[in-house]
PDB file of N, CA and C in Angstrom:
ATOM      1  N   MET A   1     -21.817  23.240  -1.749  1.00  0.00           N
ATOM      2  CA  MET A   1     -22.615  21.982  -1.719  1.00  0.00           C
ATOM      3  C   MET A   1     -21.636  21.326  -1.968  1.00  0.00           C
ATOM      4  N   ILE A   2     -21.533  21.482  -3.122  1.00  0.00           N
ATOM      5  CA  ILE A   2     -20.826  20.196  -4.340  1.00  0.00           C
ATOM      6  C   ILE A   2     -19.127  19.792  -3.756  1.00  0.00           C
ATOM      7  N   ASP A   3     -18.190  21.161  -3.592  1.00  0.00           N
ATOM      8  CA  ASP A   3     -17.030  20.491  -2.921  1.00  0.00           C
ATOM      9  C   ASP A   3     -17.383  19.643  -1.526  1.00  0.00           C
ATOM     10  N   ARG A   4     -18.368  19.759  -0.835  1.00  0.00           N
ATOM     11  CA  ARG A   4     -18.514  18.988   0.296  1.00  0.00           C
ATOM     12  C   ARG A   4     -17.929  18.309   0.487  1.00  0.00           C
ATOM     13  N   GLU A   5     -17.587  16.664   1.381  1.00  0.00           N
ATOM     14  CA  GLU A   5     -16.773  14.987   1.141  1.00  0.00           C
ATOM     15  C   GLU A   5     -18.372  14.273   2.253  1.00  0.00           C
ATOM     16  N   GLN A   6     -18.618  14.035   1.086  1.00  0.00           N
ATOM     17  CA  GLN A   6     -20.334  13.328   1.664  1.00  0.00           C
ATOM     18  C   GLN A   6     -19.583  12.027   2.228  1.00  0.00           C
ATOM     19  N   ILE A   7     -20.666  12.004   3.808  1.00  0.00           N
ATOM     20  CA  ILE A   7     -20.273  11.124   4.777  1.00  0.00           C
ATOM     21  C   ILE A   7     -20.940   9.724   4.149  1.00  0.00           C
ATOM     22  N   ILE A   8     -21.639   9.169   3.486  1.00  0.00           N
ATOM     23  CA  ILE A   8     -22.666   8.347   3.085  1.00  0.00           C
ATOM     24  C   ILE A   8     -22.227   8.019   1.531  1.00  0.00           C
ATOM     25  N   ASP A   9     -21.205   6.850   1.262  1.00  0.00           N
ATOM     26  CA  ASP A   9     -20.691   7.191  -0.363  1.00  0.00           C
ATOM     27  C   ASP A   9     -22.294   5.943  -1.080  1.00  0.00           C
ATOM     28  N   TRP A  10     -23.555   6.658  -1.236  1.00  0.00           N
ATOM     29  CA  TRP A  10     -23.734   5.935  -1.844  1.00  0.00           C
ATOM     30  C   TRP A  10     -23.914   5.401  -3.787  1.00  0.00           C
ATOM     31  N   GLU A  11     -22.432   5.711  -4.212  1.00  0.00           N
ATOM     32  CA  GLU A  11     -22.324   5.442  -5.292  1.00  0.00           C
ATOM     33  C   GLU A  11     -21.256   3.618  -4.962  1.00  0.00           C
ATOM     34  N   ASN A  12     -21.025   3.374  -3.460  1.00  0.00           N
ATOM     35  CA  ASN A  12     -20.344   2.119  -3.369  1.00  0.00           C
ATOM     36  C   ASN A  12     -21.526   0.901  -4.039  1.00  0.00           C
ATOM     37  N   PRO A  13     -20.321   0.168  -4.930  1.00  0.00           N
ATOM     38  CA  PRO A  13     -21.618  -1.017  -4.856  1.00  0.00           C
ATOM     39  C   PRO A  13     -21.075  -1.936  -3.582  1.00  0.00           C
ATOM     40  N   LYS A  14     -20.374  -1.730  -3.238  1.00  0.00           N
ATOM     41  CA  LYS A  14     -20.515  -2.960  -2.351  1.00  0.00           C
ATOM     42  C   LYS A  14     -20.990  -2.558  -0.853  1.00  0.00           C
ATOM     43  N   GLY A  15     -21.931  -3.653  -0.830  1.00  0.00           N
ATOM     44  CA  GLY A  15     -22.918  -3.521   0.278  1.00  0.00           C
ATOM     45  C   GLY A  15     -23.395  -4.954   0.901  1.00  0.00           C
ATOM     46  N   GLU A  16     -24.410  -4.704   1.943  1.00  0.00           N
ATOM     47  CA  GLU A  16     -25.703  -5.546   1.695  1.00  0.00           C
ATOM     48  C   GLU A  16     -26.764  -5.563   1.278  1.00  0.00           C
ATOM     49  N   ILE A  17     -26.958  -6.898   0.548  1.00  0.00           N
ATOM     50  CA  ILE A  17     -28.433  -6.681   0.105  1.00  0.00           C
ATOM     51  C   ILE A  17     -29.017  -7.378   0.088  1.00  0.00           C
ATOM     52  N   LEU A  18     -29.976  -5.968   0.769  1.00  0.00           N
ATOM     53  CA  LEU A  18     -31.249  -7.065   2.129  1.00  0.00           C
ATOM     54  C   LEU A  18     -32.260  -7.874   0.683  1.00  0.00           C
ATOM     55  N   GLY A  19     -32.933  -9.155   1.099  1.00  0.00           N
ATOM     56  CA  GLY A  19     -34.066 -10.302   0.680  1.00  0.00           C
ATOM     57  C   GLY A  19     -34.883  -8.905   0.568  1.00  0.00           C
ATOM     58  N   GLU A  20     -35.844 -10.060   1.747  1.00  0.00           N
ATOM     59  CA  GLU A  20     -36.938  -9.368   1.835  1.00  0.00           C
ATOM     60  C   GLU A  20     -37.196  -8.614   3.301  1.00  0.00           C
ATOM     61  N   VAL A  21     -37.245  -7.178   3.604  1.00  0.00           N
ATOM     62  CA  VAL A  21     -37.203  -6.762   5.181  1.00  0.00           C
ATOM     63  C   VAL A  21     -38.834  -6.472   6.007  1.00  0.00           C
ATOM     64  N   SER A  22     -38.613  -7.319   6.758  1.00  0.00           N
ATOM     65  CA  SER A  22     -39.921  -7.545   7.834  1.00  0.00           C
ATOM     66  C   SER A  22     -39.207  -6.913   8.731  1.00  0.00           C
ATOM     67  N   SER A  23     -38.876  -5.426   9.371  1.00  0.00           N
ATOM     68  CA  SER A  23     -38.588  -4.961  10.399  1.00  0.00           C
ATOM     69  C   SER A  23     -39.570  -3.495  10.456  1.00  0.00           C
ATOM     70  N   LYS A  24     -39.942  -3.086  11.399  1.00  0.00           N
ATOM     71  CA  LYS A  24     -40.477  -1.310  10.825  1.00  0.00           C
ATOM     72  C   LYS A  24     -39.470  -0.719  12.026  1.00  0.00           C
ATOM     73  N   ILE A  25     -40.006   0.571  10.724  1.00  0.00           N
ATOM     74  CA  ILE A  25     -39.176   1.579  10.336  1.00  0.00           C
ATOM     75  C   ILE A  25     -38.731   2.986  12.024  1.00  0.00           C
ATOM     76  N   GLU A  26     -38.023   3.505  12.335  1.00  0.00           N
ATOM     77  CA  GLU A  26     -38.324   3.448  14.049  1.00  0.00           C
ATOM     78  C   GLU A  26     -36.898   5.280  13.718  1.00  0.00           C
ATOM     79  N   PHE A  27     -37.729   6.169  13.951  1.00  0.00           N
ATOM     80  CA  PHE A  27     -36.800   7.136  14.732  1.00  0.00           C
ATOM     81  C   PHE A  27     -37.265   7.952  16.181  1.00  0.00           C
ATOM     82  N   ARG A  28     -35.544   7.654  16.401  1.00  0.00           N
ATOM     83  CA  ARG A  28     -35.358   7.516  18.186  1.00  0.00           C
ATOM     84  C   ARG A  28     -35.402   9.175  18.502  1.00  0.00           C
ATOM     85  N   ASN A  29     -35.216  10.236  19.068  1.00  0.00           N
ATOM     86  CA  ASN A  29     -34.909  11.487  19.127  1.00  0.00           C
ATOM     87  C   ASN A  29     -34.383  11.994  18.108  1.00  0.00           C
ATOM     88  N   VAL A  30     -34.471  12.008  16.643  1.00  0.00           N
ATOM     89  CA  VAL A  30     -33.802  12.097  15.827  1.00  0.00           C
ATOM     90  C   VAL A  30     -33.599  13.829  16.135  1.00  0.00           C
ATOM     91  N   GLU A  31     -32.311  14.384  15.681  1.00  0.00           N
ATOM     92  CA  GLU A  31     -32.113  16.273  15.101  1.00  0.00           C
ATOM     93  C   GLU A  31     -31.553  15.852  13.377  1.00  0.00           C
ATOM     94  N   PHE A  32     -31.957  16.976  13.035  1.00  0.00           N
ATOM     95  CA  PHE A  32     -31.393  17.059  11.781  1.00  0.00           C
ATOM     96  C   PHE A  32     -31.519  18.305  11.186  1.00  0.00           C
ATOM     97  N   ALA A  33     -30.319  18.813  10.744  1.00  0.00           N
ATOM     98  CA  ALA A  33     -30.428  20.178   9.733  1.00  0.00           C
ATOM     99  C   ALA A  33     -29.979  19.801   8.660  1.00  0.00           C
ATOM    100  N   CYS A  34     -30.406  20.637   8.047  1.00  0.00           N
ATOM    101  CA  CYS A  34     -29.451  20.877   5.679  1.00  0.00           C
ATOM    102  C   CYS A  34     -28.252  20.970   6.376  1.00  0.00           C
ATOM    103  N   PRO A  35     -27.016  20.489   5.115  1.00  0.00           N
ATOM    104  CA  PRO A  35     -25.790  20.545   5.400  1.00  0.00           C
ATOM    105  C   PRO A  35     -25.431  22.392   4.694  1.00  0.00           C
ATOM    106  N   SER A  36     -26.135  22.165   4.326  1.00  0.00           N
ATOM    107  CA  SER A  36     -26.345  24.370   3.793  1.00  0.00           C
ATOM    108  C   SER A  36     -26.736  25.592   5.222  1.00  0.00           C
ATOM    109  N   GLY A  37     -26.931  24.546   5.923  1.00  0.00           N
ATOM    110  CA  GLY A  37     -27.560  25.778   6.542  1.00  0.00           C
ATOM    111  C   GLY A  37     -28.581  24.559   8.225  1.00  0.00           C
ATOM    112  N   PRO A  38     -27.084  24.543   9.504  1.00  0.00           N
ATOM    113  CA  PRO A  38     -26.429  23.654   9.775  1.00  0.00           C
ATOM    114  C   PRO A  38     -26.730  24.453  11.313  1.00  0.00           C
ATOM    115  N   GLU A  39     -27.068  25.766  10.749  1.00  0.00           N
ATOM    116  CA  GLU A  39     -27.470  26.455  12.747  1.00  0.00           C
ATOM    117  C   GLU A  39     -29.450  26.204  12.714  1.00  0.00           C
ATOM    118  N   SER A  40     -29.865  26.058  11.400  1.00  0.00           N
ATOM    119  CA  SER A  40     -31.588  25.909  11.399  1.00  0.00           C
ATOM    120  C   SER A  40     -31.062  24.468  11.496  1.00  0.00           C
ATOM    121  N   LYS A  41     -31.854  23.659  12.691  1.00  0.00           N
ATOM    122  CA  LYS A  41     -32.649  22.409  12.459  1.00  0.00           C
ATOM    123  C   LYS A  41     -33.975  22.123  12.156  1.00  0.00           C
ATOM    124  N   ILE A  42     -33.861  21.465  11.515  1.00  0.00           N
ATOM    125  CA  ILE A  42     -35.201  20.522  10.860  1.00  0.00           C
ATOM    126  C   ILE A  42     -35.543  20.031  12.040  1.00  0.00           C
ATOM    127  N   LEU A  43     -35.367  18.959  11.711  1.00  0.00           N
ATOM    128  CA  LEU A  43     -36.033  18.095  12.583  1.00  0.00           C
ATOM    129  C   LEU A  43     -35.340  17.683  14.059  1.00  0.00           C
ATOM    130  N   HIS A  44     -35.833  18.081  15.794  1.00  0.00           N
ATOM    131  CA  HIS A  44     -35.345  18.487  16.615  1.00  0.00           C
ATOM    132  C   HIS A  44     -35.861  17.318  17.504  1.00  0.00           C
ATOM    133  N   ASN A  45     -35.333  16.050  18.511  1.00  0.00           N
ATOM    134  CA  ASN A  45     -36.458  14.767  19.126  1.00  0.00           C
ATOM    135  C   ASN A  45     -37.383  14.886  18.646  1.00  0.00           C
ATOM    136  N   PHE A  46     -37.228  14.539  17.302  1.00  0.00           N
ATOM    137  CA  PHE A  46     -38.143  13.417  16.445  1.00  0.00           C
ATOM    138  C   PHE A  46     -38.085  12.639  16.482  1.00  0.00           C
ATOM    139  N   CYS A  47     -39.604  11.570  16.754  1.00  0.00           N
ATOM    140  CA  CYS A  47     -39.551  10.393  17.141  1.00  0.00           C
ATOM    141  C   CYS A  47     -41.107   9.861  15.939  1.00  0.00           C
ATOM    142  N   LEU A  48     -40.825   9.022  15.673  1.00  0.00           N
ATOM    143  CA  LEU A  48     -42.174   7.967  15.130  1.00  0.00           C
ATOM    144  C   LEU A  48     -41.825   6.595  14.587  1.00  0.00           C
ATOM    145  N   ALA A  49     -42.378   5.340  14.621  1.00  0.00           N
ATOM    146  CA  ALA A  49     -42.069   3.966  14.542  1.00  0.00           C
ATOM    147  C   ALA A  49     -43.400   4.007  13.269  1.00  0.00           C
ATOM    148  N   ILE A  50     -42.728   3.496  12.118  1.00  0.00           N
ATOM    149  CA  ILE A  50     -44.163   2.598  11.234  1.00  0.00           C
ATOM    150  C   ILE A  50     -43.682   1.331  11.617  1.00  0.00           C
ATOM    151  N   PRO A  51     -44.705   0.706  11.393  1.00  0.00           N
ATOM    152  CA  PRO A  51     -44.814  -0.938  11.807  1.00  0.00           C
ATOM    153  C   PRO A  51     -44.437  -1.602  10.376  1.00  0.00           C
ATOM    154  N   SER A  52     -43.947  -3.136  10.789  1.00  0.00           N
ATOM    155  CA  SER A  52     -43.752  -3.825   8.843  1.00  0.00           C
ATOM    156  C   SER A  52     -45.083  -3.788   8.501  1.00  0.00           C
ATOM    157  N   ARG A  53     -45.240  -4.056   6.883  1.00  0.00           N
ATOM    158  CA  ARG A  53     -45.909  -4.074   6.082  1.00  0.00           C
ATOM    159  C   ARG A  53     -47.705  -2.486   6.086  1.00  0.00           C
ATOM    160  N   LYS A  54     -47.361  -1.925   6.593  1.00  0.00           N
ATOM    161  CA  LYS A  54     -47.916  -0.967   6.973  1.00  0.00           C
ATOM    162  C   LYS A  54     -47.350   0.405   6.278  1.00  0.00           C
ATOM    163  N   THR A  55     -48.592   0.891   5.892  1.00  0.00           N
ATOM    164  CA  THR A  55     -48.741   2.243   4.777  1.00  0.00           C
ATOM    165  C   THR A  55     -48.854   3.321   6.068  1.00  0.00           C
ATOM    166  N   VAL A  56     -48.344   4.835   5.755  1.00  0.00           N
ATOM    167  CA  VAL A  56     -48.232   5.737   6.598  1.00  0.00           C
ATOM    168  C   VAL A  56     -48.797   6.800   5.450  1.00  0.00           C
ATOM    169  N   ALA A  57     -48.861   7.754   5.643  1.00  0.00           N
ATOM    170  CA  ALA A  57     -48.694   9.550   5.491  1.00  0.00           C
ATOM    171  C   ALA A  57     -48.140  10.157   5.829  1.00  0.00           C
ATOM    172  N   LEU A  58     -47.502  11.277   5.521  1.00  0.00           N
ATOM    173  CA  LEU A  58     -46.825  12.168   6.156  1.00  0.00           C
ATOM    174  C   LEU A  58     -47.556  13.077   5.938  1.00  0.00           C
ATOM    175  N   VAL A  59     -47.879  14.206   6.642  1.00  0.00           N
ATOM    176  CA  VAL A  59     -48.963  14.737   6.878  1.00  0.00           C
ATOM    177  C   VAL A  59     -47.810  16.170   7.857  1.00  0.00           C
ATOM    178  N   GLY A  60     -48.112  17.503   6.587  1.00  0.00           N
ATOM    179  CA  GLY A  60     -48.029  18.382   7.638  1.00  0.00           C
ATOM    180  C   GLY A  60     -47.467  19.855   6.635  1.00  0.00           C
ATOM    181  N   GLY A  61     -47.005  20.710   7.146  1.00  0.00           N
ATOM    182  CA  GLY A  61     -46.955  22.379   6.612  1.00  0.00           C
ATOM    183  C   GLY A  61     -46.289  22.162   6.020  1.00  0.00           C
ATOM    184  N   SER A  62     -45.696  23.259   5.083  1.00  0.00           N
ATOM    185  CA  SER A  62     -44.776  23.254   3.818  1.00  0.00           C
ATOM    186  C   SER A  62     -43.299  23.709   4.903  1.00  0.00           C
ATOM    187  N   ARG A  63     -42.162  23.158   4.721  1.00  0.00           N
ATOM    188  CA  ARG A  63     -40.891  22.776   5.394  1.00  0.00           C
ATOM    189  C   ARG A  63     -41.117  22.476   6.757  1.00  0.00           C
ATOM    190  N   SER A  64     -41.967  21.505   7.278  1.00  0.00           N
ATOM    191  CA  SER A  64     -42.265  21.280   8.619  1.00  0.00           C
ATOM    192  C   SER A  64     -41.411  19.300   8.298  1.00  0.00           C
ATOM    193  N   GLY A  65     -40.162  19.172   7.560  1.00  0.00           N
ATOM    194  CA  GLY A  65     -39.809  17.831   7.834  1.00  0.00           C
ATOM    195  C   GLY A  65     -40.120  16.741   7.262  1.00  0.00           C
ATOM    196  N   LYS A  66     -41.579  16.499   6.323  1.00  0.00           N
ATOM    197  CA  LYS A  66     -41.776  15.626   5.355  1.00  0.00           C
ATOM    198  C   LYS A  66     -40.778  15.033   4.447  1.00  0.00           C
ATOM    199  N   SER A  67     -40.443  15.537   3.424  1.00  0.00           N
ATOM    200  CA  SER A  67     -39.671  14.800   2.754  1.00  0.00           C
ATOM    201  C   SER A  67     -38.121  14.769   3.334  1.00  0.00           C
ATOM    202  N   THR A  68     -37.685  15.547   4.573  1.00  0.00           N
ATOM    203  CA  THR A  68     -36.670  15.396   5.483  1.00  0.00           C
ATOM    204  C   THR A  68     -36.312  13.693   5.604  1.00  0.00           C
ATOM    205  N   GLU A  69     -37.601  13.642   6.153  1.00  0.00           N
ATOM    206  CA  GLU A  69     -37.751  12.224   6.826  1.00  0.00           C
ATOM    207  C   GLU A  69     -37.440  11.119   5.444  1.00  0.00           C
ATOM    208  N   VAL A  70     -38.136  11.211   4.724  1.00  0.00           N
ATOM    209  CA  VAL A  70     -37.718   9.490   3.560  1.00  0.00           C
ATOM    210  C   VAL A  70     -37.329  10.719   3.056  1.00  0.00           C
ATOM    211  N   ALA A  71     -36.073  11.116   2.818  1.00  0.00           N
ATOM    212  CA  ALA A  71     -34.762  11.431   2.683  1.00  0.00           C
ATOM    213  C   ALA A  71     -33.537  11.110   3.757  1.00  0.00           C
ATOM    214  N   LEU A  72     -34.086  10.693   4.878  1.00  0.00           N
ATOM    215  CA  LEU A  72     -33.683  10.520   5.918  1.00  0.00           C
ATOM    216  C   LEU A  72     -33.545   8.986   5.803  1.00  0.00           C
ATOM    217  N   ILE A  73     -34.631   8.152   5.529  1.00  0.00           N
ATOM    218  CA  ILE A  73     -34.917   6.767   5.870  1.00  0.00           C
ATOM    219  C   ILE A  73     -34.315   6.043   4.694  1.00  0.00           C
ATOM    220  N   GLU A  74     -34.016   7.318   3.440  1.00  0.00           N
ATOM    221  CA  GLU A  74     -33.561   6.443   1.596  1.00  0.00           C
ATOM    222  C   GLU A  74     -31.548   6.323   2.110  1.00  0.00           C
ATOM    223  N   ARG A  75     -31.672   7.475   2.974  1.00  0.00           N
ATOM    224  CA  ARG A  75     -30.397   7.623   3.543  1.00  0.00           C
ATOM    225  C   ARG A  75     -29.834   8.459   2.693  1.00  0.00           C
ATOM    226  N   PHE A  76     -30.154   9.311   1.500  1.00  0.00           N
ATOM    227  CA  PHE A  76     -29.580  10.857   1.555  1.00  0.00           C
ATOM    228  C   PHE A  76     -28.394  11.159   2.287  1.00  0.00           C
ATOM    229  N   TYR A  77     -29.709  11.566   3.245  1.00  0.00           N
ATOM    230  CA  TYR A  77     -27.870  12.275   3.991  1.00  0.00           C
ATOM    231  C   TYR A  77     -28.108  11.501   5.395  1.00  0.00           C
ATOM    232  N   ASP A  78     -27.753  11.961   6.553  1.00  0.00           N
ATOM    233  CA  ASP A  78     -27.518  11.235   7.607  1.00  0.00           C
ATOM    234  C   ASP A  78     -27.711  12.370   8.908  1.00  0.00           C
ATOM    235  N   LYS A  79     -28.831  11.772  10.161  1.00  0.00           N
ATOM    236  CA  LYS A  79     -28.890  12.526  11.355  1.00  0.00           C
ATOM    237  C   LYS A  79     -27.280  13.200  11.975  1.00  0.00           C
ATOM    238  N   LEU A  80     -28.170  14.574  12.884  1.00  0.00           N
ATOM    239  CA  LEU A  80     -27.007  14.604  13.246  1.00  0.00           C
ATOM    240  C   LEU A  80     -26.770  13.507  14.600  1.00  0.00           C
ATOM    241  N   VAL A  81     -27.820  13.637  15.200  1.00  0.00           N
ATOM    242  CA  VAL A  81     -28.167  12.994  16.914  1.00  0.00           C
ATOM    243  C   VAL A  81     -29.388  11.920  17.177  1.00  0.00           C
ATOM    244  N   GLY A  82     -29.464  10.847  18.001  1.00  0.00           N
ATOM    245  CA  GLY A  82     -30.263  10.319  17.373  1.00  0.00           C
ATOM    246  C   GLY A  82     -30.164   8.601  16.493  1.00  0.00           C
ATOM    247  N   ASN A  83     -31.069   7.984  16.638  1.00  0.00           N
ATOM    248  CA  ASN A  83     -31.798   6.372  16.169  1.00  0.00           C
ATOM    249  C   ASN A  83     -31.781   6.191  15.434  1.00  0.00           C
ATOM    250  N   PHE A  84     -31.680   5.379  14.211  1.00  0.00           N
ATOM    251  CA  PHE A  84     -33.448   4.735  13.375  1.00  0.00           C
ATOM    252  C   PHE A  84     -32.665   3.451  12.586  1.00  0.00           C
TER     253      PHE A  84
END
């Protein structure tokens, strides 16, 4: 995993700095698998819409994808398929 080349360069200081964000967060048919285990999908056709200025709770069993959803929003990972 250390030797794997990252698609997202999170250390790059160049990029758009956003002011106030006022749009919803939406996952549409997102698929994701960990780079260390690409044969085992964590999210498959996952859909979720979070309206602007709303608080939500992600609830589910262990290894159901809650932390993965947050990591995708924060761009720690990139999706395999789908839109958000």
